[in-house]
Amino acid sequence: MRPYPLMMNLQNKRVIVIGGGRVAFRKTTGLLDSGAQVVVISPKLIPEMDRLRNQEKIDWKEAHFDESILDDYRDAILIFGTTDDRQVNLQIYNAAYSRRLPCNIADVPDLCTFIVPAVISQGDLMIAVSTGGASPALARKIREELEKQYGPEYGKMTKLMGDLRKRVLNSSCDSDENRKLFSEIVDSELLEAIRQSDFYHAMEILKKILPMEIDVENAVGDSCGDQL
């Protein structure tokens, strides 16, 4: 199988996690970071999961999995199974499949309609690594190598580029000119200036590239000046 990669907006979307253990906790924290509304179905929770419940970050359905429970959450858009019981996992998969609900069963690729890649995040920058479910360990190793290569400066650079893009698109330049400007910025020494926390050098670089009407100082200051 060659999966199709995509990024999904989970903000305020309901997602179901079945299981209350360590794997469920890892899935749940990632989902919460993406803004999802998480429902956990499990007869018990590990302390970390129980803290999330006490903080009202998750809804907890205290029960063993039963297909009928899904009828209470018809607005759910994803389901994660994290149990270590093959029969229960199969029941989760079949229930999700019959409802056309995308399903991921942890560490069981043949019971997944989608897989979750290994991800590194630096601000708005996300880099995903997938082996199509063949070797999560290899994906994790590659992710760890990428974490060393793509440090916090890439998150700051991404934020700044997003701000600059809005400003440039609102300027008088045409689309071809804009593409050239963005390419020149990315190929410049801006990233190194950010890495070195050199606020003034970053502004000098941008002033040489961008049209005069672009307020470079505010762009850099608004995006990452307080961090440089």
Protein backbone atom coordinates (compact mmCIF):
# COMPACT_ATOMS: atom_id res chain seq x y z
CA MET A 1 0.00 0.00 0.00
CA ARG A 2 1.23 3.48 -0.85
CA PRO A 3 -0.71 5.88 1.40
CA TYR A 4 -1.75 9.33 0.24
CA PRO A 5 -0.24 12.02 2.50
CA LEU A 6 -2.42 14.87 3.75
CA MET A 7 -2.74 17.29 6.67
CA MET A 8 -6.12 17.37 8.40
CA ASN A 9 -7.73 20.26 10.28
CA LEU A 10 -9.03 18.86 13.57
CA GLN A 11 -9.86 22.16 15.25
CA ASN A 12 -13.05 21.65 17.28
CA LYS A 13 -13.65 18.29 15.57
CA ARG A 14 -14.66 15.27 17.64
CA VAL A 15 -12.25 12.34 17.69
CA ILE A 16 -12.69 9.05 19.55
CA VAL A 17 -9.85 7.26 21.31
CA ILE A 18 -10.56 3.76 22.58
CA GLY A 19 -8.30 2.74 25.44
CA GLY A 20 -6.95 4.51 28.49
CA GLY A 21 -3.30 3.44 28.61
CA ARG A 22 0.07 4.80 27.50
CA VAL A 23 -0.61 4.54 23.78
CA ALA A 24 -3.98 6.22 24.23
CA PHE A 25 -2.28 9.02 26.18
CA ARG A 26 0.24 9.65 23.38
CA LYS A 27 -2.50 9.74 20.77
CA THR A 28 -4.68 11.96 22.92
CA THR A 29 -2.02 14.58 23.66
CA GLY A 30 -1.22 14.89 19.96
CA LEU A 31 -4.90 15.27 19.12
CA LEU A 32 -5.39 17.91 21.80
CA ASP A 33 -2.42 19.84 20.43
CA SER A 34 -4.27 19.91 17.10
CA GLY A 35 -7.39 21.36 18.69
CA ALA A 36 -9.49 18.19 18.57
CA GLN A 37 -12.33 17.44 20.99
CA VAL A 38 -11.35 14.02 22.31
CA VAL A 39 -13.70 11.38 23.66
CA VAL A 40 -11.96 8.50 25.45
CA ILE A 41 -13.77 5.19 25.76
CA SER A 42 -12.21 2.92 28.38
CA PRO A 43 -13.21 1.16 31.61
CA LYS A 44 -10.23 2.81 33.36
CA LEU A 45 -7.57 5.47 32.82
CA ILE A 46 -3.91 5.70 33.70
CA PRO A 47 -3.08 8.67 35.99
CA GLU A 48 -1.93 10.86 33.09
CA MET A 49 -5.21 10.36 31.28
CA ASP A 50 -7.17 10.92 34.47
CA ARG A 51 -5.43 14.28 34.90
CA LEU A 52 -6.63 15.28 31.44
CA ARG A 53 -10.14 14.30 32.48
CA ASN A 54 -9.89 16.30 35.72
CA GLN A 55 -8.67 19.29 33.71
CA GLU A 56 -11.73 18.83 31.45
CA LYS A 57 -9.51 18.45 28.40
CA ILE A 58 -11.17 15.16 27.42
CA ASP A 59 -14.59 13.53 27.76
CA TRP A 60 -14.43 10.07 29.34
CA LYS A 61 -16.91 7.32 28.59
CA GLU A 62 -16.26 4.78 31.35
CA ALA A 63 -17.02 1.58 29.48
CA HIS A 64 -15.64 -1.32 27.51
CA PHE A 65 -15.94 -0.79 23.79
CA ASP A 66 -19.30 -1.59 22.29
CA GLU A 67 -20.31 -0.63 18.77
CA SER A 68 -23.51 1.00 20.01
CA ILE A 69 -21.48 3.63 21.88
CA LEU A 70 -20.48 5.16 18.56
CA ASP A 71 -24.14 6.04 17.97
CA ASP A 72 -23.72 8.69 20.69
CA TYR A 73 -20.93 10.35 18.73
CA ARG A 74 -22.21 10.54 15.18
CA ASP A 75 -20.24 13.75 14.60
CA ALA A 76 -16.88 12.04 15.19
CA ILE A 77 -14.56 12.20 12.20
CA LEU A 78 -11.75 9.84 13.32
CA ILE A 79 -11.39 6.88 15.62
CA PHE A 80 -8.25 5.50 17.24
CA GLY A 81 -8.04 2.04 18.77
CA THR A 82 -5.23 1.57 21.30
CA THR A 83 -6.11 -1.69 23.05
CA ASP A 84 -3.85 -4.74 23.09
CA ASP A 85 -6.79 -7.09 22.47
CA ARG A 86 -6.90 -8.25 18.84
CA GLN A 87 -10.59 -9.16 19.03
CA VAL A 88 -11.55 -5.75 20.43
CA ASN A 89 -9.41 -4.04 17.81
CA LEU A 90 -11.19 -5.99 15.10
CA GLN A 91 -14.56 -4.94 16.52
CA ILE A 92 -13.43 -1.29 16.50
CA TYR A 93 -12.26 -1.57 12.91
CA ASN A 94 -15.47 -3.24 11.72
CA ALA A 95 -17.66 -0.70 13.54
CA ALA A 96 -15.69 2.19 12.05
CA TYR A 97 -15.73 0.66 8.57
CA SER A 98 -19.49 0.18 8.61
CA ARG A 99 -19.88 3.85 9.51
CA ARG A 100 -17.31 5.00 6.95
CA LEU A 101 -15.31 6.41 9.83
CA PRO A 102 -11.53 6.60 9.25
CA CYS A 103 -9.85 4.27 11.73
CA ASN A 104 -6.36 3.76 13.10
CA ILE A 105 -5.52 0.75 15.24
CA ALA A 106 -2.17 1.28 16.92
CA ASP A 107 0.57 -1.04 15.63
CA VAL A 108 -1.87 -3.06 13.50
CA PRO A 109 -1.47 -1.77 9.92
CA ASP A 110 -3.96 -4.26 8.45
CA LEU A 111 -6.70 -2.74 10.65
CA CYS A 112 -5.99 0.86 9.65
CA THR A 113 -7.68 2.98 7.01
CA PHE A 114 -5.16 5.71 7.79
CA ILE A 115 -1.75 5.81 9.45
CA VAL A 116 -0.11 8.45 11.59
CA PRO A 117 3.40 9.47 10.51
CA ALA A 118 6.28 10.34 12.80
CA VAL A 119 6.25 14.14 13.02
CA ILE A 120 8.61 16.89 14.06
CA SER A 121 7.19 20.36 14.70
CA GLN A 122 8.86 23.72 14.89
CA GLY A 123 6.10 26.28 15.24
CA ASP A 124 3.94 26.11 12.12
CA LEU A 125 6.51 23.95 10.34
CA MET A 126 5.67 20.26 10.39
CA ILE A 127 7.73 17.50 8.78
CA ALA A 128 6.13 14.06 8.60
CA VAL A 129 7.94 10.77 8.02
CA SER A 130 6.13 7.59 7.07
CA THR A 131 7.14 4.09 6.08
CA GLY A 132 3.57 3.19 5.17
CA GLY A 133 3.27 1.31 8.44
CA ALA A 134 6.12 -1.04 7.53
CA SER A 135 8.52 0.16 10.22
CA PRO A 136 7.49 2.75 12.82
CA ALA A 137 10.93 2.30 14.40
CA LEU A 138 12.68 3.43 11.21
CA ALA A 139 10.30 6.40 10.86
CA ARG A 140 11.11 7.34 14.45
CA LYS A 141 14.86 7.14 13.80
CA ILE A 142 14.56 9.39 10.74
CA ARG A 143 12.41 11.82 12.74
CA GLU A 144 15.10 12.02 15.43
CA GLU A 145 17.73 12.77 12.78
CA LEU A 146 15.55 15.50 11.28
CA GLU A 147 15.00 17.05 14.72
CA LYS A 148 18.74 17.70 14.91
CA GLN A 149 18.77 19.28 11.46
CA TYR A 150 15.65 21.44 11.73
CA GLY A 151 15.89 23.44 14.94
CA PRO A 152 13.76 26.23 16.48
CA GLU A 153 15.04 28.73 13.92
CA TYR A 154 12.89 27.01 11.30
CA GLY A 155 9.78 27.66 13.35
CA LYS A 156 10.69 31.36 13.58
CA MET A 157 11.48 31.46 9.88
CA THR A 158 8.14 29.87 9.02
CA LYS A 159 6.24 32.39 11.12
CA LEU A 160 8.14 35.30 9.54
CA MET A 161 7.57 33.98 6.01
CA GLY A 162 3.85 33.72 6.71
CA ASP A 163 3.75 37.34 7.82
CA LEU A 164 5.86 38.53 4.89
CA ARG A 165 3.69 36.61 2.44
CA LYS A 166 0.57 38.47 3.59
CA ARG A 167 2.34 41.82 3.30
CA VAL A 168 3.82 41.08 -0.11
CA LEU A 169 0.52 39.80 -1.53
CA ASN A 170 -1.09 43.06 -0.44
CA SER A 171 1.59 45.10 -2.24
CA SER A 172 1.69 46.19 -5.87
CA CYS A 173 3.87 43.30 -7.10
CA ASP A 174 2.46 40.78 -9.57
CA SER A 175 2.48 37.03 -8.95
CA ASP A 176 5.68 36.36 -10.89
CA GLU A 177 7.52 39.04 -8.94
CA ASN A 178 6.16 37.64 -5.69
CA ARG A 179 7.48 34.17 -6.45
CA LYS A 180 10.91 35.61 -7.17
CA LEU A 181 10.87 37.59 -3.94
CA PHE A 182 9.91 34.58 -1.84
CA SER A 183 12.56 32.41 -3.50
CA GLU A 184 15.21 35.07 -2.95
CA ILE A 185 14.28 35.39 0.71
CA VAL A 186 14.43 31.64 1.28
CA ASP A 187 17.79 31.40 -0.51
CA SER A 188 19.25 34.35 1.41
CA GLU A 189 21.13 34.34 4.73
CA LEU A 190 17.92 35.16 6.62
CA LEU A 191 17.67 31.73 8.24
CA GLU A 192 21.23 31.99 9.53
CA ALA A 193 20.51 35.47 10.89
CA ILE A 194 17.53 34.06 12.77
CA ARG A 195 19.62 31.13 13.99
CA GLN A 196 22.19 33.63 15.33
CA SER A 197 19.43 35.81 16.84
CA ASP A 198 20.71 38.73 14.75
CA PHE A 199 17.62 40.94 14.52
CA TYR A 200 19.33 43.77 12.66
CA HIS A 201 21.00 41.56 10.07
CA ALA A 202 17.65 39.93 9.36
CA MET A 203 16.11 43.33 8.68
CA GLU A 204 19.03 44.37 6.44
CA ILE A 205 18.62 41.23 4.34
CA LEU A 206 14.90 41.80 3.87
CA LYS A 207 15.25 45.49 3.09
CA LYS A 208 17.55 44.62 0.19
CA ILE A 209 15.03 42.15 -1.24
CA LEU A 210 11.57 43.53 -0.54
CA PRO A 211 9.83 46.57 -2.03
CA MET A 212 10.19 49.78 -0.01
CA GLU A 213 6.50 49.83 0.91
CA ILE A 214 6.89 46.63 2.94
CA ASP A 215 7.44 47.52 6.61
CA VAL A 216 10.30 45.12 7.29
CA GLU A 217 10.91 46.21 10.86
CA ASN A 218 7.33 45.56 11.90
CA ALA A 219 7.25 42.27 10.00
CA VAL A 220 10.34 40.94 11.76
CA GLY A 221 9.29 42.39 15.10
CA ASP A 222 5.76 41.05 14.94
CA SER A 223 6.85 37.57 13.87
CA CYS A 224 9.93 36.87 15.96
CA GLY A 225 11.56 40.07 17.18
CA ASP A 226 10.85 39.23 20.80
CA GLN A 227 12.54 35.87 20.31
CA LEU A 228 15.62 36.97 18.39
